[in-house]
Amino acid sequence: MGQKNDRWRVGDLFLGLSDQSQNGLELPQFVVELLQFNDELHQFNDEFLQFKGESPQFNDELRQFDDELR
């Protein structure tokens, strides 16, 4: 996806902490929730970009269908 946007940096700072948690360090609950939210945000962004990429094709198909109805 090229260069990451600034909005991802805060969540990505905590990814190092998630690695530490796998090494037995206990993370505060808010950090765990922030990591989960960050993962969900990344997933939503990926799905949105996929949808955005498909929408021009969908619009073309919709126009073609509309033309066929006329």
PDB file of N, CA and C in Angstrom:
ATOM      1  N   MET A   1       0.811  -1.192   0.000  1.00  0.00           N
ATOM      2  CA  MET A   1       0.000   0.000   0.000  1.00  0.00           C
ATOM      3  C   MET A   1       0.851   1.250   0.000  1.00  0.00           C
ATOM      4  N   GLY A   2       2.144   1.131  -0.205  1.00  0.00           N
ATOM      5  CA  GLY A   2       2.990   2.309  -0.218  1.00  0.00           C
ATOM      6  C   GLY A   2       3.233   2.840   1.181  1.00  0.00           C
ATOM      7  N   GLN A   3       3.436   4.145   1.266  1.00  0.00           N
ATOM      8  CA  GLN A   3       3.734   4.772   2.557  1.00  0.00           C
ATOM      9  C   GLN A   3       2.491   4.805   3.437  1.00  0.00           C
ATOM     10  N   LYS A   4       2.683   4.499   4.716  1.00  0.00           N
ATOM     11  CA  LYS A   4       1.547   4.472   5.638  1.00  0.00           C
ATOM     12  C   LYS A   4       1.106   5.885   5.970  1.00  0.00           C
ATOM     13  N   ASN A   5      -0.180   6.039   6.188  1.00  0.00           N
ATOM     14  CA  ASN A   5      -0.724   7.322   6.611  1.00  0.00           C
ATOM     15  C   ASN A   5      -0.378   7.573   8.062  1.00  0.00           C
ATOM     16  N   ASP A   6      -0.346   8.861   8.429  1.00  0.00           N
ATOM     17  CA  ASP A   6      -0.019   9.239   9.806  1.00  0.00           C
ATOM     18  C   ASP A   6      -0.977   8.627  10.811  1.00  0.00           C
ATOM     19  N   ARG A   7      -2.235   8.452  10.432  1.00  0.00           N
ATOM     20  CA  ARG A   7      -3.217   7.961  11.402  1.00  0.00           C
ATOM     21  C   ARG A   7      -2.919   6.547  11.871  1.00  0.00           C
ATOM     22  N   TRP A   8      -2.133   5.794  11.110  1.00  0.00           N
ATOM     23  CA  TRP A   8      -1.808   4.428  11.529  1.00  0.00           C
ATOM     24  C   TRP A   8      -0.654   4.405  12.519  1.00  0.00           C
ATOM     25  N   ARG A   9       0.131   5.482  12.589  1.00  0.00           N
ATOM     26  CA  ARG A   9       1.364   5.445  13.379  1.00  0.00           C
ATOM     27  C   ARG A   9       1.115   5.177  14.854  1.00  0.00           C
ATOM     28  N   VAL A  10       0.080   5.785  15.424  1.00  0.00           N
ATOM     29  CA  VAL A  10      -0.190   5.599  16.853  1.00  0.00           C
ATOM     30  C   VAL A  10      -0.443   4.134  17.157  1.00  0.00           C
ATOM     31  N   GLY A  11      -1.315   3.506  16.369  1.00  0.00           N
ATOM     32  CA  GLY A  11      -1.586   2.089  16.589  1.00  0.00           C
ATOM     33  C   GLY A  11      -0.356   1.235  16.359  1.00  0.00           C
ATOM     34  N   ASP A  12       0.436   1.592  15.344  1.00  0.00           N
ATOM     35  CA  ASP A  12       1.615   0.798  15.036  1.00  0.00           C
ATOM     36  C   ASP A  12       2.673   0.895  16.130  1.00  0.00           C
ATOM     37  N   LEU A  13       2.685   2.006  16.879  1.00  0.00           N
ATOM     38  CA  LEU A  13       3.616   2.128  17.998  1.00  0.00           C
ATOM     39  C   LEU A  13       3.383   1.029  19.024  1.00  0.00           C
ATOM     40  N   PHE A  14       2.121   0.617  19.155  1.00  0.00           N
ATOM     41  CA  PHE A  14       1.782  -0.391  20.145  1.00  0.00           C
ATOM     42  C   PHE A  14       2.026  -1.811  19.648  1.00  0.00           C
ATOM     43  N   LEU A  15       2.315  -1.961  18.366  1.00  0.00           N
ATOM     44  CA  LEU A  15       2.540  -3.312  17.859  1.00  0.00           C
ATOM     45  C   LEU A  15       3.775  -3.927  18.502  1.00  0.00           C
ATOM     46  N   GLY A  16       4.773  -3.097  18.787  1.00  0.00           N
ATOM     47  CA  GLY A  16       5.937  -3.577  19.524  1.00  0.00           C
ATOM     48  C   GLY A  16       5.540  -4.085  20.893  1.00  0.00           C
ATOM     49  N   LEU A  17       4.577  -3.417  21.528  1.00  0.00           N
ATOM     50  CA  LEU A  17       4.095  -3.861  22.834  1.00  0.00           C
ATOM     51  C   LEU A  17       3.391  -5.202  22.723  1.00  0.00           C
ATOM     52  N   SER A  18       2.679  -5.423  21.616  1.00  0.00           N
ATOM     53  CA  SER A  18       1.986  -6.705  21.476  1.00  0.00           C
ATOM     54  C   SER A  18       3.000  -7.837  21.357  1.00  0.00           C
ATOM     55  N   ASP A  19       4.143  -7.565  20.718  1.00  0.00           N
ATOM     56  CA  ASP A  19       5.203  -8.576  20.663  1.00  0.00           C
ATOM     57  C   ASP A  19       5.717  -8.882  22.060  1.00  0.00           C
ATOM     58  N   GLN A  20       5.848  -7.830  22.897  1.00  0.00           N
ATOM     59  CA  GLN A  20       6.310  -8.028  24.270  1.00  0.00           C
ATOM     60  C   GLN A  20       5.296  -8.831  25.069  1.00  0.00           C
ATOM     61  N   SER A  21       4.007  -8.618  24.788  1.00  0.00           N
ATOM     62  CA  SER A  21       2.987  -9.354  25.538  1.00  0.00           C
ATOM     63  C   SER A  21       3.089 -10.850  25.254  1.00  0.00           C
ATOM     64  N   GLN A  22       3.519 -11.201  24.058  1.00  0.00           N
ATOM     65  CA  GLN A  22       3.692 -12.614  23.730  1.00  0.00           C
ATOM     66  C   GLN A  22       4.891 -13.199  24.474  1.00  0.00           C
ATOM     67  N   ASN A  23       5.779 -12.319  24.941  1.00  0.00           N
ATOM     68  CA  ASN A  23       6.938 -12.768  25.714  1.00  0.00           C
ATOM     69  C   ASN A  23       6.638 -12.813  27.208  1.00  0.00           C
ATOM     70  N   GLY A  24       5.371 -12.673  27.593  1.00  0.00           N
ATOM     71  CA  GLY A  24       4.980 -12.834  28.978  1.00  0.00           C
ATOM     72  C   GLY A  24       4.758 -11.538  29.732  1.00  0.00           C
ATOM     73  N   LEU A  25       4.961 -10.385  29.117  1.00  0.00           N
ATOM     74  CA  LEU A  25       4.682  -9.124  29.798  1.00  0.00           C
ATOM     75  C   LEU A  25       3.187  -8.852  29.760  1.00  0.00           C
ATOM     76  N   GLU A  26       2.649  -8.360  30.851  1.00  0.00           N
ATOM     77  CA  GLU A  26       1.214  -8.078  30.932  1.00  0.00           C
ATOM     78  C   GLU A  26       0.953  -6.657  30.446  1.00  0.00           C
ATOM     79  N   LEU A  27       0.025  -6.515  29.526  1.00  0.00           N
ATOM     80  CA  LEU A  27      -0.326  -5.191  29.007  1.00  0.00           C
ATOM     81  C   LEU A  27      -1.559  -4.661  29.725  1.00  0.00           C
ATOM     82  N   PRO A  28      -1.613  -3.344  29.921  1.00  0.00           N
ATOM     83  CA  PRO A  28      -2.849  -2.762  30.468  1.00  0.00           C
ATOM     84  C   PRO A  28      -4.023  -3.044  29.528  1.00  0.00           C
ATOM     85  N   GLN A  29      -5.222  -3.160  30.077  1.00  0.00           N
ATOM     86  CA  GLN A  29      -6.407  -3.497  29.294  1.00  0.00           C
ATOM     87  C   GLN A  29      -6.648  -2.503  28.163  1.00  0.00           C
ATOM     88  N   PHE A  30      -6.417  -1.202  28.429  1.00  0.00           N
ATOM     89  CA  PHE A  30      -6.680  -0.216  27.377  1.00  0.00           C
ATOM     90  C   PHE A  30      -5.745  -0.410  26.192  1.00  0.00           C
ATOM     91  N   VAL A  31      -4.529  -0.895  26.452  1.00  0.00           N
ATOM     92  CA  VAL A  31      -3.592  -1.144  25.354  1.00  0.00           C
ATOM     93  C   VAL A  31      -4.069  -2.343  24.541  1.00  0.00           C
ATOM     94  N   VAL A  32      -4.545  -3.366  25.222  1.00  0.00           N
ATOM     95  CA  VAL A  32      -5.082  -4.544  24.533  1.00  0.00           C
ATOM     96  C   VAL A  32      -6.262  -4.136  23.654  1.00  0.00           C
ATOM     97  N   GLU A  33      -7.159  -3.318  24.217  1.00  0.00           N
ATOM     98  CA  GLU A  33      -8.318  -2.857  23.447  1.00  0.00           C
ATOM     99  C   GLU A  33      -7.893  -1.969  22.287  1.00  0.00           C
ATOM    100  N   LEU A  34      -6.871  -1.153  22.501  1.00  0.00           N
ATOM    101  CA  LEU A  34      -6.376  -0.292  21.425  1.00  0.00           C
ATOM    102  C   LEU A  34      -5.786  -1.129  20.297  1.00  0.00           C
ATOM    103  N   LEU A  35      -5.067  -2.181  20.651  1.00  0.00           N
ATOM    104  CA  LEU A  35      -4.511  -3.075  19.632  1.00  0.00           C
ATOM    105  C   LEU A  35      -5.614  -3.760  18.838  1.00  0.00           C
ATOM    106  N   GLN A  36      -6.662  -4.202  19.535  1.00  0.00           N
ATOM    107  CA  GLN A  36      -7.785  -4.840  18.844  1.00  0.00           C
ATOM    108  C   GLN A  36      -8.479  -3.842  17.925  1.00  0.00           C
ATOM    109  N   PHE A  37      -8.675  -2.627  18.413  1.00  0.00           N
ATOM    110  CA  PHE A  37      -9.304  -1.590  17.598  1.00  0.00           C
ATOM    111  C   PHE A  37      -8.443  -1.279  16.382  1.00  0.00           C
ATOM    112  N   ASN A  38      -7.132  -1.211  16.572  1.00  0.00           N
ATOM    113  CA  ASN A  38      -6.222  -0.939  15.465  1.00  0.00           C
ATOM    114  C   ASN A  38      -6.336  -2.025  14.398  1.00  0.00           C
ATOM    115  N   ASP A  39      -6.400  -3.290  14.832  1.00  0.00           N
ATOM    116  CA  ASP A  39      -6.555  -4.395  13.875  1.00  0.00           C
ATOM    117  C   ASP A  39      -7.865  -4.272  13.105  1.00  0.00           C
ATOM    118  N   GLU A  40      -8.952  -3.942  13.828  1.00  0.00           N
ATOM    119  CA  GLU A  40     -10.255  -3.783  13.175  1.00  0.00           C
ATOM    120  C   GLU A  40     -10.239  -2.616  12.200  1.00  0.00           C
ATOM    121  N   LEU A  41      -9.549  -1.548  12.572  1.00  0.00           N
ATOM    122  CA  LEU A  41      -9.456  -0.378  11.701  1.00  0.00           C
ATOM    123  C   LEU A  41      -8.698  -0.709  10.423  1.00  0.00           C
ATOM    124  N   HIS A  42      -7.593  -1.439  10.559  1.00  0.00           N
ATOM    125  CA  HIS A  42      -6.834  -1.867   9.379  1.00  0.00           C
ATOM    126  C   HIS A  42      -7.697  -2.757   8.484  1.00  0.00           C
ATOM    127  N   GLN A  43      -8.449  -3.678   9.084  1.00  0.00           N
ATOM    128  CA  GLN A  43      -9.311  -4.575   8.307  1.00  0.00           C
ATOM    129  C   GLN A  43     -10.395  -3.778   7.585  1.00  0.00           C
ATOM    130  N   PHE A  44     -11.019  -2.829   8.282  1.00  0.00           N
ATOM    131  CA  PHE A  44     -12.048  -1.996   7.663  1.00  0.00           C
ATOM    132  C   PHE A  44     -11.457  -1.200   6.510  1.00  0.00           C
ATOM    133  N   ASN A  45     -10.266  -0.647   6.707  1.00  0.00           N
ATOM    134  CA  ASN A  45      -9.628   0.133   5.658  1.00  0.00           C
ATOM    135  C   ASN A  45      -9.357  -0.735   4.429  1.00  0.00           C
ATOM    136  N   ASP A  46      -8.855  -1.952   4.650  1.00  0.00           N
ATOM    137  CA  ASP A  46      -8.598  -2.858   3.528  1.00  0.00           C
ATOM    138  C   ASP A  46      -9.882  -3.184   2.773  1.00  0.00           C
ATOM    139  N   GLU A  47     -10.965  -3.450   3.523  1.00  0.00           N
ATOM    140  CA  GLU A  47     -12.248  -3.758   2.886  1.00  0.00           C
ATOM    141  C   GLU A  47     -12.784  -2.553   2.131  1.00  0.00           C
ATOM    142  N   PHE A  48     -12.624  -1.362   2.697  1.00  0.00           N
ATOM    143  CA  PHE A  48     -13.095  -0.153   2.034  1.00  0.00           C
ATOM    144  C   PHE A  48     -12.327   0.084   0.741  1.00  0.00           C
ATOM    145  N   LEU A  49     -11.013  -0.090   0.779  1.00  0.00           N
ATOM    146  CA  LEU A  49     -10.216   0.111  -0.431  1.00  0.00           C
ATOM    147  C   LEU A  49     -10.585  -0.906  -1.500  1.00  0.00           C
ATOM    148  N   GLN A  50     -10.892  -2.140  -1.082  1.00  0.00           N
ATOM    149  CA  GLN A  50     -11.330  -3.155  -2.040  1.00  0.00           C
ATOM    150  C   GLN A  50     -12.668  -2.743  -2.653  1.00  0.00           C
ATOM    151  N   PHE A  51     -13.605  -2.298  -1.821  1.00  0.00           N
ATOM    152  CA  PHE A  51     -14.910  -1.852  -2.312  1.00  0.00           C
ATOM    153  C   PHE A  51     -14.747  -0.657  -3.240  1.00  0.00           C
ATOM    154  N   LYS A  52     -13.893   0.287  -2.851  1.00  0.00           N
ATOM    155  CA  LYS A  52     -13.669   1.481  -3.664  1.00  0.00           C
ATOM    156  C   LYS A  52     -13.109   1.091  -5.031  1.00  0.00           C
ATOM    157  N   GLY A  53     -12.250   0.084  -5.048  1.00  0.00           N
ATOM    158  CA  GLY A  53     -11.682  -0.379  -6.306  1.00  0.00           C
ATOM    159  C   GLY A  53     -12.706  -1.066  -7.187  1.00  0.00           C
ATOM    160  N   GLU A  54     -13.704  -1.705  -6.571  1.00  0.00           N
ATOM    161  CA  GLU A  54     -14.718  -2.424  -7.334  1.00  0.00           C
ATOM    162  C   GLU A  54     -15.864  -1.526  -7.771  1.00  0.00           C
ATOM    163  N   SER A  55     -16.055  -0.391  -7.115  1.00  0.00           N
ATOM    164  CA  SER A  55     -17.240   0.419  -7.393  1.00  0.00           C
ATOM    165  C   SER A  55     -17.287   0.983  -8.814  1.00  0.00           C
ATOM    166  N   PRO A  56     -16.166   1.401  -9.437  1.00  0.00           N
ATOM    167  CA  PRO A  56     -16.292   1.862 -10.833  1.00  0.00           C
ATOM    168  C   PRO A  56     -16.811   0.769 -11.764  1.00  0.00           C
ATOM    169  N   GLN A  57     -16.345  -0.459 -11.558  1.00  0.00           N
ATOM    170  CA  GLN A  57     -16.822  -1.578 -12.377  1.00  0.00           C
ATOM    171  C   GLN A  57     -18.306  -1.805 -12.126  1.00  0.00           C
ATOM    172  N   PHE A  58     -18.723  -1.748 -10.869  1.00  0.00           N
ATOM    173  CA  PHE A  58     -20.135  -1.921 -10.530  1.00  0.00           C
ATOM    174  C   PHE A  58     -20.970  -0.828 -11.186  1.00  0.00           C
ATOM    175  N   ASN A  59     -20.495   0.411 -11.147  1.00  0.00           N
ATOM    176  CA  ASN A  59     -21.228   1.518 -11.761  1.00  0.00           C
ATOM    177  C   ASN A  59     -21.378   1.314 -13.263  1.00  0.00           C
ATOM    178  N   ASP A  60     -20.315   0.832 -13.904  1.00  0.00           N
ATOM    179  CA  ASP A  60     -20.387   0.563 -15.345  1.00  0.00           C
ATOM    180  C   ASP A  60     -21.419  -0.522 -15.645  1.00  0.00           C
ATOM    181  N   GLU A  61     -21.425  -1.582 -14.826  1.00  0.00           N
ATOM    182  CA  GLU A  61     -22.393  -2.659 -15.033  1.00  0.00           C
ATOM    183  C   GLU A  61     -23.819  -2.166 -14.802  1.00  0.00           C
ATOM    184  N   LEU A  62     -24.002  -1.303 -13.818  1.00  0.00           N
ATOM    185  CA  LEU A  62     -25.319  -0.750 -13.534  1.00  0.00           C
ATOM    186  C   LEU A  62     -25.801   0.118 -14.698  1.00  0.00           C
ATOM    187  N   ARG A  63     -24.913   0.931 -15.258  1.00  0.00           N
ATOM    188  CA  ARG A  63     -25.284   1.762 -16.418  1.00  0.00           C
ATOM    189  C   ARG A  63     -25.643   0.892 -17.618  1.00  0.00           C
ATOM    190  N   GLN A  64     -24.861  -0.159 -17.826  1.00  0.00           N
ATOM    191  CA  GLN A  64     -25.128  -1.059 -18.949  1.00  0.00           C
ATOM    192  C   GLN A  64     -26.485  -1.735 -18.767  1.00  0.00           C
ATOM    193  N   PHE A  65     -26.786  -2.185 -17.568  1.00  0.00           N
ATOM    194  CA  PHE A  65     -28.072  -2.804 -17.277  1.00  0.00           C
ATOM    195  C   PHE A  65     -29.199  -1.803 -17.506  1.00  0.00           C
ATOM    196  N   ASP A  66     -29.001  -0.569 -17.071  1.00  0.00           N
ATOM    197  CA  ASP A  66     -29.998   0.486 -17.255  1.00  0.00           C
ATOM    198  C   ASP A  66     -30.231   0.750 -18.741  1.00  0.00           C
ATOM    199  N   ASP A  67     -29.153   0.777 -19.514  1.00  0.00           N
ATOM    200  CA  ASP A  67     -29.283   0.989 -20.961  1.00  0.00           C
ATOM    201  C   ASP A  67     -30.061  -0.153 -21.615  1.00  0.00           C
ATOM    202  N   GLU A  68     -29.828  -1.378 -21.144  1.00  0.00           N
ATOM    203  CA  GLU A  68     -30.528  -2.531 -21.710  1.00  0.00           C
ATOM    204  C   GLU A  68     -32.022  -2.487 -21.404  1.00  0.00           C
ATOM    205  N   LEU A  69     -32.379  -1.928 -20.264  1.00  0.00           N
ATOM    206  CA  LEU A  69     -33.790  -1.827 -19.898  1.00  0.00           C
ATOM    207  C   LEU A  69     -34.537  -0.816 -20.768  1.00  0.00           C
ATOM    208  N   ARG A  70     -33.830   0.145 -21.288  1.00  0.00           N
ATOM    209  CA  ARG A  70     -34.485   1.195 -22.086  1.00  0.00           C
ATOM    210  C   ARG A  70     -34.761   0.734 -23.454  1.00  0.00           C
TER     211      ARG A  70
END
